[in-house]
Protein backbone atom coordinates (compact mmCIF):
# COMPACT_ATOMS: atom_id res chain seq x y z
CA MET A 1 -66.17 133.81 -82.45
CA THR A 2 -69.52 133.87 -80.60
CA ALA A 3 -72.13 136.55 -80.51
CA ASP A 4 -71.42 137.03 -76.77
CA THR A 5 -67.78 137.85 -77.66
CA LEU A 6 -68.91 140.57 -80.11
CA ARG A 7 -71.76 142.21 -78.32
CA ARG A 8 -71.17 145.51 -76.52
CA SER A 9 -73.54 147.47 -74.37
CA PRO A 10 -74.15 151.13 -75.25
CA LEU A 11 -72.51 152.27 -72.00
CA GLY A 12 -69.95 149.55 -71.35
CA HIS A 13 -67.06 151.96 -71.97
CA LEU A 14 -68.34 154.19 -69.14
CA ALA A 15 -68.44 151.71 -66.28
CA ASP A 16 -65.47 153.23 -64.49
CA VAL A 17 -66.84 156.74 -64.95
CA LEU A 18 -70.20 155.82 -63.48
CA ALA A 19 -68.52 154.20 -60.49
CA ALA A 20 -66.26 157.21 -59.95
CA HIS A 21 -69.25 159.59 -59.86
CA SER A 22 -71.33 157.43 -57.49
CA THR A 23 -71.35 158.31 -53.82
CA ASP A 24 -72.65 156.86 -50.55
CA GLY A 25 -73.96 158.52 -47.40
CA GLU A 26 -76.96 160.61 -46.58
CA ARG A 27 -76.69 162.46 -49.92
CA GLY A 28 -75.51 159.43 -51.84
CA VAL A 29 -76.53 158.51 -55.34
CA ARG A 30 -75.15 155.71 -57.49
CA LEU A 31 -75.44 155.10 -61.23
CA ARG A 32 -74.68 151.95 -63.19
CA GLU A 33 -75.73 150.24 -66.40
CA VAL A 34 -77.65 146.96 -66.24
CA PRO A 35 -76.97 145.72 -69.76
CA PHE A 36 -78.59 143.06 -71.91
CA LEU A 37 -81.80 142.57 -69.97
CA ALA A 38 -84.37 140.48 -71.84
CA GLN A 39 -87.29 142.73 -72.91
CA LEU A 40 -90.43 141.42 -74.57
CA ASP A 41 -93.28 143.60 -75.77
CA LEU A 42 -96.52 141.74 -75.08
CA GLN A 43 -99.84 142.85 -76.53
CA LEU A 44 -103.18 141.10 -76.01
CA HIS A 45 -106.65 141.78 -74.64
CA PRO A 46 -106.48 141.88 -70.83
CA HIS A 47 -109.78 140.01 -70.51
CA GLY A 48 -109.27 137.43 -73.23
CA PRO A 49 -109.10 133.65 -72.78
CA ALA A 50 -105.33 133.63 -72.33
CA THR A 51 -105.59 135.91 -69.32
CA MET A 52 -108.99 135.10 -67.81
CA GLY A 53 -109.36 131.42 -68.70
CA GLU A 54 -109.30 128.45 -66.47
CA PRO A 55 -106.18 127.99 -64.33
CA SER A 56 -103.52 125.89 -65.91
CA PRO A 57 -100.30 124.25 -64.63
CA SER A 58 -97.29 126.50 -64.61
CA LEU A 59 -95.38 126.47 -67.89
CA ARG A 60 -92.21 127.75 -66.22
CA PRO A 61 -90.11 125.34 -64.14
CA GLY A 62 -90.06 126.21 -60.47
CA VAL A 63 -92.93 128.70 -60.76
CA PRO A 64 -96.27 127.87 -59.12
CA PRO A 65 -99.52 127.91 -61.13
CA GLY A 66 -100.94 131.30 -62.10
CA GLY A 67 -103.62 131.58 -59.37
CA GLY A 68 -106.60 130.96 -61.58
CA ARG A 69 -105.83 133.81 -63.99
CA GLY A 70 -105.20 131.78 -67.14
CA ARG A 71 -102.31 130.70 -69.26
CA ILE A 72 -100.37 134.01 -69.33
CA ALA A 73 -100.31 134.16 -65.54
CA ALA A 74 -99.24 130.56 -65.37
CA THR A 75 -96.38 131.39 -67.68
CA LEU A 76 -95.19 134.49 -65.87
CA GLY A 77 -95.93 133.34 -62.35
CA SER A 78 -98.31 136.21 -61.67
CA PRO A 79 -101.28 137.95 -63.40
CA LEU A 80 -100.60 140.80 -65.77
CA PRO A 81 -100.85 144.14 -63.96
CA THR A 82 -104.00 145.90 -65.06
CA ASP A 83 -103.81 149.07 -62.95
CA PRO A 84 -102.12 151.78 -64.98
CA ASN A 85 -98.41 152.31 -64.42
CA THR A 86 -97.91 149.32 -62.11
CA VAL A 87 -95.45 146.42 -62.11
CA THR A 88 -95.69 142.80 -61.03
CA ASP A 89 -92.50 141.19 -59.72
CA THR A 90 -92.49 137.70 -58.18
CA GLY A 91 -88.84 137.80 -57.10
CA PRO A 92 -85.24 137.27 -58.32
CA GLY A 93 -84.91 135.33 -61.54
CA SER A 94 -88.60 135.82 -62.49
CA PRO A 95 -89.84 138.32 -65.09
CA GLN A 96 -90.95 141.80 -64.09
CA VAL A 97 -94.05 142.85 -65.98
CA LEU A 98 -94.53 146.58 -66.60
CA TRP A 99 -97.87 148.04 -67.63
CA LEU A 100 -97.44 150.25 -70.74
CA GLY A 101 -101.02 150.58 -71.83
CA PRO A 102 -104.49 148.95 -71.58
CA GLN A 103 -103.41 146.16 -73.89
CA GLU A 104 -99.59 146.38 -73.75
CA TRP A 105 -96.93 145.22 -71.29
CA LEU A 106 -93.16 145.00 -71.19
CA VAL A 107 -91.83 141.75 -69.81
CA VAL A 108 -88.26 142.23 -68.40
CA GLY A 109 -86.10 139.32 -67.41
CA PRO A 110 -82.48 138.20 -66.95
CA ASP A 111 -79.92 138.30 -69.71
CA GLY A 112 -80.47 135.43 -72.14
CA SER A 113 -84.03 134.58 -71.06
CA ALA A 114 -85.84 136.21 -73.97
CA PRO A 115 -86.04 133.30 -76.43
CA ALA A 116 -87.41 130.81 -73.89
CA THR A 117 -89.84 133.29 -72.32
CA ALA A 118 -91.09 134.46 -75.71
CA GLU A 119 -91.73 130.86 -76.79
CA LEU A 120 -93.66 130.16 -73.59
CA LEU A 121 -95.74 133.32 -74.00
CA ARG A 122 -96.56 132.53 -77.65
CA THR A 123 -97.62 129.07 -76.57
CA ALA A 124 -99.82 130.59 -73.85
CA LEU A 125 -101.28 133.08 -76.35
CA ALA A 126 -102.15 130.24 -78.73
CA ASP A 127 -104.65 131.42 -81.39
CA GLU A 128 -105.79 134.49 -79.46
CA PRO A 129 -105.12 137.88 -81.18
CA GLY A 130 -101.97 139.41 -79.81
CA SER A 131 -98.18 139.49 -80.23
CA VAL A 132 -94.92 138.80 -78.43
CA VAL A 133 -91.95 140.72 -79.84
CA ASP A 134 -88.38 140.61 -78.59
CA VAL A 135 -87.28 144.25 -78.14
CA SER A 136 -84.21 143.54 -76.00
CA ALA A 137 -81.86 145.30 -78.45
CA ASN A 138 -84.01 148.42 -78.44
CA ARG A 139 -83.07 149.73 -75.02
CA THR A 140 -80.40 149.51 -72.32
CA THR A 141 -81.12 150.02 -68.64
CA LEU A 142 -79.64 152.54 -66.26
CA GLU A 143 -80.03 152.00 -62.50
CA LEU A 144 -80.06 155.08 -60.31
CA ALA A 145 -80.11 154.45 -56.52
CA GLY A 146 -79.53 156.14 -53.19
CA PRO A 147 -81.05 158.74 -50.89
CA ALA A 148 -80.57 161.49 -53.48
CA ALA A 149 -81.79 159.55 -56.53
CA ARG A 150 -85.27 161.07 -56.51
CA LEU A 151 -83.82 164.56 -56.21
CA VAL A 152 -81.64 163.91 -59.28
CA LEU A 153 -84.61 162.74 -61.34
CA GLU A 154 -86.75 165.71 -60.27
CA LYS A 155 -84.27 168.02 -62.01
CA GLY A 156 -85.49 166.80 -65.40
CA CYS A 157 -88.72 164.88 -64.92
CA ALA A 158 -92.17 166.46 -64.66
CA LEU A 159 -93.74 163.54 -62.87
CA ASP A 160 -94.62 163.76 -59.15
CA LEU A 161 -92.17 161.28 -57.75
CA HIS A 162 -93.05 161.79 -54.05
CA PRO A 163 -93.31 158.39 -52.32
CA ARG A 164 -97.00 158.94 -51.57
CA VAL A 165 -97.63 159.06 -55.30
CA PHE A 166 -94.85 157.11 -56.98
CA GLY A 167 -93.30 154.33 -54.95
CA PRO A 168 -91.95 150.76 -55.37
CA GLY A 169 -93.86 148.84 -57.97
CA ARG A 170 -94.71 151.84 -60.05
CA CYS A 171 -93.63 152.64 -63.64
CA ALA A 172 -94.27 155.35 -66.21
CA GLN A 173 -93.34 156.32 -69.71
CA THR A 174 -92.07 159.88 -69.39
CA LEU A 175 -89.39 162.39 -70.40
CA LEU A 176 -86.18 162.77 -68.44
CA GLY A 177 -83.83 165.46 -69.62
CA LYS A 178 -85.92 165.63 -72.83
CA VAL A 179 -85.29 161.86 -73.45
CA ASN A 180 -88.11 159.27 -73.62
CA VAL A 181 -87.61 156.66 -70.91
CA ILE A 182 -89.56 153.95 -69.11
CA LEU A 183 -89.14 154.73 -65.43
CA HIS A 184 -89.54 151.95 -62.89
CA GLN A 185 -89.10 152.35 -59.16
CA VAL A 186 -87.70 149.06 -57.86
CA ASP A 187 -87.54 149.65 -54.08
CA ALA A 188 -87.85 152.21 -51.35
CA GLU A 189 -84.17 153.15 -50.99
CA PRO A 190 -85.07 154.45 -53.62
CA THR A 191 -83.74 152.48 -56.58
CA TYR A 192 -84.97 153.41 -60.08
CA ARG A 193 -84.47 151.72 -63.40
CA LEU A 194 -84.48 153.83 -66.56
CA LEU A 195 -85.04 151.98 -69.82
CA VAL A 196 -83.72 154.16 -72.61
CA ARG A 197 -83.12 153.63 -76.33
CA GLY A 198 -79.53 152.78 -77.04
CA SER A 199 -79.03 155.80 -79.32
CA PHE A 200 -79.99 158.18 -76.47
CA ALA A 201 -78.15 156.31 -73.68
CA GLN A 202 -74.92 158.38 -73.85
CA TYR A 203 -76.78 161.69 -73.80
CA LEU A 204 -78.98 160.65 -70.85
CA THR A 205 -75.96 159.37 -68.96
CA ASP A 206 -74.15 162.69 -69.40
CA TRP A 207 -77.27 164.46 -68.24
CA LEU A 208 -77.50 162.30 -65.12
CA LEU A 209 -73.83 162.67 -64.27
CA ASP A 210 -74.20 166.42 -64.41
CA ALA A 211 -77.36 166.29 -62.24
CA MET A 212 -75.51 164.10 -59.72
CA GLU A 213 -72.47 166.38 -59.41
CA GLU A 214 -73.72 168.49 -56.49
CA TYR A 215 -74.19 165.37 -54.36
CA ARG A 216 -70.44 164.52 -54.59
CA HIS A 217 -69.72 167.47 -52.30
CA PRO A 218 -70.88 168.55 -48.83
CA PRO A 219 -73.89 170.89 -48.86
CA LEU A 220 -73.17 174.60 -48.68
CA THR A 221 -73.82 176.18 -45.25
CA ALA A 222 -74.77 179.77 -44.54
């Protein structure tokens, strides 16, 4: 029996419930779990040799060189984001890199990619002070999308999520319904991804389903 046969996502048993509560249309909002994403916590100095050194050939097959931004950029296909609460994303199949702090990033990739990506990053880091830690089992990911998605989040999040402030390519560590999450806006639909610890995933899902309930029905008229 393989590990893939045994593994279960924190919300796998709720897939049908999430689909049943999702709606389309002008007031639509959809919720689903995106399980088993690779997540690597990367810590290093943003201006050290691994990030600011001479350009090197890409260490990832099919990814162009890192644009003169050193070995880490060559590995990821893009430089690390250094503006607070921003994300770099070079396209499908490539890692997304979320800024978590001045010297910390979360590298998010497809299911199963963590071991290879971690090895490449450790090679790129070489002897420079820093760390690459696989935290994939720490969190699952909820995806909330649709015209009403921002309205749902605003019921329990103190951040200003207006598009002029928080749009695609932005991320933040915040509270949603009293739960710590990493919030990442993926696109302008809007689509959001919520990275939440597995032990809090059920509670947050219940909170989101309750917050979505009003959008399953036509708005009240005077």
